[in-house]
Amino acid sequence: MLIDKKEIQNHTDDAILFADGVNFINTSQWILAYPIFEYLDQQAKDKSVPLCYNIALCYTQAKQYPEAIAALESALNKIKVSSIVSNPINPLPANLWLNEYDSNHYLSGLNETAMAFNINLIRVRIRRLLVDLHLTLENWQEVIRLSSLPDMDKCKNVQEASIVAKSKINS
């Protein structure tokens, strides 16, 4: 079997681009992050959960909400069929979860390492972003549905969105 050096170089270049894109997301440099993840998304044959999540963050910042929702739904579907370890070897301390629920960490870029260690955390982050998007689009029923999923009622943004959605439905 011959090793295709160009393919290895392209893979390495894509990994560097991906890492740079995550850095740009985490420093709110959306004008730099967007074209990187748009390129990686177009080039990918099999899109990873982190790629779907990061392009969804870019779409969100560009106010391309339907595209962001589609990317997040794709990420959730990939998690359902994923064979990656879904829980860490030792459960995470409750205080770390409390910090997660109260923070805006779900608006940060995502890499493969995070996926490998806690799919449940990634699932919650994806759903939190979906809640924000559906709130923006005034999809009140979807906000309520997502809010009722496991662990979602603990998240600060979800609690706030749920209050708004319930008040809009009841008015």
Protein backbone atom coordinates (compact mmCIF):
# COMPACT_ATOMS: atom_id res chain seq x y z
CA MET A 1 0.00 0.00 0.00
CA LEU A 2 1.42 3.36 -1.01
CA ILE A 3 1.04 6.32 1.29
CA ASP A 4 -0.32 9.37 -0.46
CA LYS A 5 1.82 12.20 0.91
CA LYS A 6 -0.52 14.82 -0.53
CA GLU A 7 -3.48 13.25 1.32
CA ILE A 8 -1.49 13.23 4.58
CA GLN A 9 -0.55 16.88 4.00
CA ASN A 10 -4.19 17.81 3.31
CA HIS A 11 -5.32 16.03 6.49
CA THR A 12 -2.66 17.85 8.52
CA ASP A 13 -3.61 21.16 6.93
CA ASP A 14 -7.29 20.53 7.73
CA ALA A 15 -6.41 19.72 11.36
CA ILE A 16 -4.47 22.98 11.62
CA LEU A 17 -7.32 24.89 10.01
CA PHE A 18 -9.79 23.27 12.40
CA ALA A 19 -7.67 24.20 15.45
CA ASP A 20 -7.27 27.76 14.16
CA GLY A 21 -11.02 27.97 13.57
CA VAL A 22 -11.78 26.87 17.13
CA ASN A 23 -9.35 29.50 18.37
CA PHE A 24 -11.08 32.16 16.27
CA ILE A 25 -14.49 31.12 17.63
CA ASN A 26 -13.22 31.21 21.20
CA THR A 27 -11.87 34.72 20.67
CA SER A 28 -15.04 35.91 18.88
CA GLN A 29 -13.27 36.47 15.59
CA TRP A 30 -16.23 35.28 13.56
CA ILE A 31 -15.09 36.83 10.29
CA LEU A 32 -12.02 34.57 10.47
CA ALA A 33 -13.78 31.47 11.83
CA TYR A 34 -16.67 31.42 9.37
CA PRO A 35 -14.70 30.84 6.13
CA ILE A 36 -12.56 28.17 7.79
CA PHE A 37 -15.52 26.10 8.95
CA GLU A 38 -17.43 26.77 5.74
CA TYR A 39 -14.45 25.36 3.81
CA LEU A 40 -14.04 22.37 6.13
CA ASP A 41 -17.78 21.70 6.00
CA GLN A 42 -17.76 21.70 2.19
CA GLN A 43 -14.68 19.45 2.03
CA ALA A 44 -15.81 16.88 4.60
CA LYS A 45 -17.13 13.58 3.31
CA ASP A 46 -18.31 12.51 6.75
CA LYS A 47 -18.91 15.51 9.00
CA SER A 48 -17.93 15.11 12.64
CA VAL A 49 -20.00 16.39 15.56
CA PRO A 50 -17.43 19.10 16.36
CA LEU A 51 -17.46 20.28 12.74
CA CYS A 52 -21.27 20.45 12.72
CA TYR A 53 -21.26 22.29 16.05
CA ASN A 54 -18.63 24.82 15.04
CA ILE A 55 -20.25 25.61 11.71
CA ALA A 56 -23.54 26.03 13.62
CA LEU A 57 -21.86 28.58 15.90
CA CYS A 58 -20.63 30.43 12.79
CA TYR A 59 -24.07 30.31 11.19
CA THR A 60 -25.58 31.63 14.42
CA GLN A 61 -23.27 34.62 14.41
CA ALA A 62 -24.10 35.26 10.74
CA LYS A 63 -27.83 35.06 11.63
CA GLN A 64 -28.28 32.06 9.34
CA TYR A 65 -30.56 30.37 11.84
CA PRO A 66 -32.12 27.60 9.72
CA GLU A 67 -28.63 26.48 8.64
CA ALA A 68 -27.45 26.53 12.26
CA ILE A 69 -30.41 24.42 13.37
CA ALA A 70 -29.81 21.92 10.56
CA ALA A 71 -26.13 21.58 11.51
CA LEU A 72 -27.02 21.03 15.19
CA GLU A 73 -29.68 18.46 14.33
CA SER A 74 -27.08 16.65 12.23
CA ALA A 75 -24.69 16.69 15.19
CA LEU A 76 -27.36 15.23 17.48
CA ASN A 77 -28.09 12.47 14.97
CA LYS A 78 -24.40 11.60 14.81
CA ILE A 79 -24.25 11.36 18.60
CA LYS A 80 -27.14 8.88 18.58
CA VAL A 81 -25.22 6.49 16.35
CA SER A 82 -21.78 7.23 17.76
CA SER A 83 -19.70 4.44 19.24
CA ILE A 84 -17.44 6.82 21.16
CA VAL A 85 -17.36 6.34 24.94
CA SER A 86 -20.31 8.33 26.26
CA ASN A 87 -19.23 8.77 29.86
CA PRO A 88 -15.91 9.45 31.49
CA ILE A 89 -14.27 6.68 33.51
CA ASN A 90 -15.10 8.54 36.72
CA PRO A 91 -18.21 10.72 36.96
CA LEU A 92 -17.49 14.41 36.83
CA PRO A 93 -17.87 16.35 40.10
CA ALA A 94 -21.25 17.99 40.59
CA ASN A 95 -19.65 21.42 40.98
CA LEU A 96 -18.23 21.19 37.46
CA TRP A 97 -21.70 20.44 36.12
CA LEU A 98 -23.13 23.39 38.07
CA ASN A 99 -20.50 25.63 36.50
CA GLU A 100 -21.40 24.27 33.07
CA TYR A 101 -25.12 24.89 33.56
CA ASP A 102 -24.57 28.47 34.78
CA SER A 103 -22.00 29.44 32.14
CA ASN A 104 -21.98 30.30 28.46
CA HIS A 105 -19.37 27.64 27.66
CA TYR A 106 -21.77 26.16 25.14
CA LEU A 107 -20.97 29.14 22.92
CA SER A 108 -17.32 28.06 22.68
CA GLY A 109 -15.76 26.06 19.87
CA LEU A 110 -15.62 22.31 20.13
CA ASN A 111 -12.86 19.83 19.27
CA GLU A 112 -12.62 16.05 19.01
CA THR A 113 -11.05 15.69 22.47
CA ALA A 114 -14.18 17.03 24.15
CA MET A 115 -16.27 14.54 22.20
CA ALA A 116 -14.12 11.62 23.27
CA PHE A 117 -14.57 12.29 26.96
CA ASN A 118 -18.18 13.26 27.48
CA ILE A 119 -20.89 12.93 24.88
CA ASN A 120 -23.54 13.81 27.47
CA LEU A 121 -21.94 17.23 27.96
CA ILE A 122 -21.81 17.81 24.21
CA ARG A 123 -25.45 16.77 23.84
CA VAL A 124 -26.45 19.33 26.50
CA ARG A 125 -24.39 22.04 24.77
CA ILE A 126 -25.99 21.31 21.40
CA ARG A 127 -29.46 21.45 22.91
CA ARG A 128 -28.66 24.70 24.76
CA LEU A 129 -27.68 26.32 21.48
CA LEU A 130 -30.82 24.94 19.84
CA VAL A 131 -32.89 26.55 22.61
CA ASP A 132 -31.25 29.91 21.90
CA LEU A 133 -31.93 29.58 18.18
CA HIS A 134 -35.57 28.58 18.61
CA LEU A 135 -36.06 31.41 21.10
CA THR A 136 -34.67 33.87 18.54
CA LEU A 137 -37.01 32.44 15.89
CA GLU A 138 -39.93 32.52 18.36
CA ASN A 139 -40.52 28.79 18.04
CA TRP A 140 -42.06 28.66 21.52
CA GLN A 141 -43.22 25.03 21.38
CA GLU A 142 -39.74 23.84 20.42
CA VAL A 143 -38.19 25.86 23.25
CA ILE A 144 -40.60 24.16 25.67
CA ARG A 145 -39.89 20.71 24.18
CA LEU A 146 -36.13 21.13 24.41
CA SER A 147 -36.44 22.55 27.93
CA SER A 148 -38.13 19.36 29.08
CA LEU A 149 -35.27 17.06 28.01
CA PRO A 150 -32.92 15.57 30.65
CA ASP A 151 -30.70 18.10 32.45
CA MET A 152 -31.93 21.02 30.37
CA ASP A 153 -33.94 22.54 33.22
CA LYS A 154 -30.64 23.06 35.09
CA CYS A 155 -29.17 25.34 32.41
CA LYS A 156 -29.42 29.08 33.01
CA ASN A 157 -30.14 30.03 29.39
CA VAL A 158 -32.77 27.29 29.11
CA GLN A 159 -34.53 28.39 32.30
CA GLU A 160 -34.71 31.96 30.99
CA ALA A 161 -35.88 30.84 27.53
CA SER A 162 -38.53 28.59 29.04
CA ILE A 163 -39.98 31.45 31.05
CA VAL A 164 -40.21 33.62 27.93
CA ALA A 165 -41.72 30.82 25.82
CA LYS A 166 -44.32 29.91 28.44
CA SER A 167 -45.34 33.55 28.84
CA LYS A 168 -45.73 33.92 25.06
CA ILE A 169 -47.76 30.72 24.78
CA ASN A 170 -50.02 31.75 27.69
CA SER A 171 -50.61 35.29 26.42
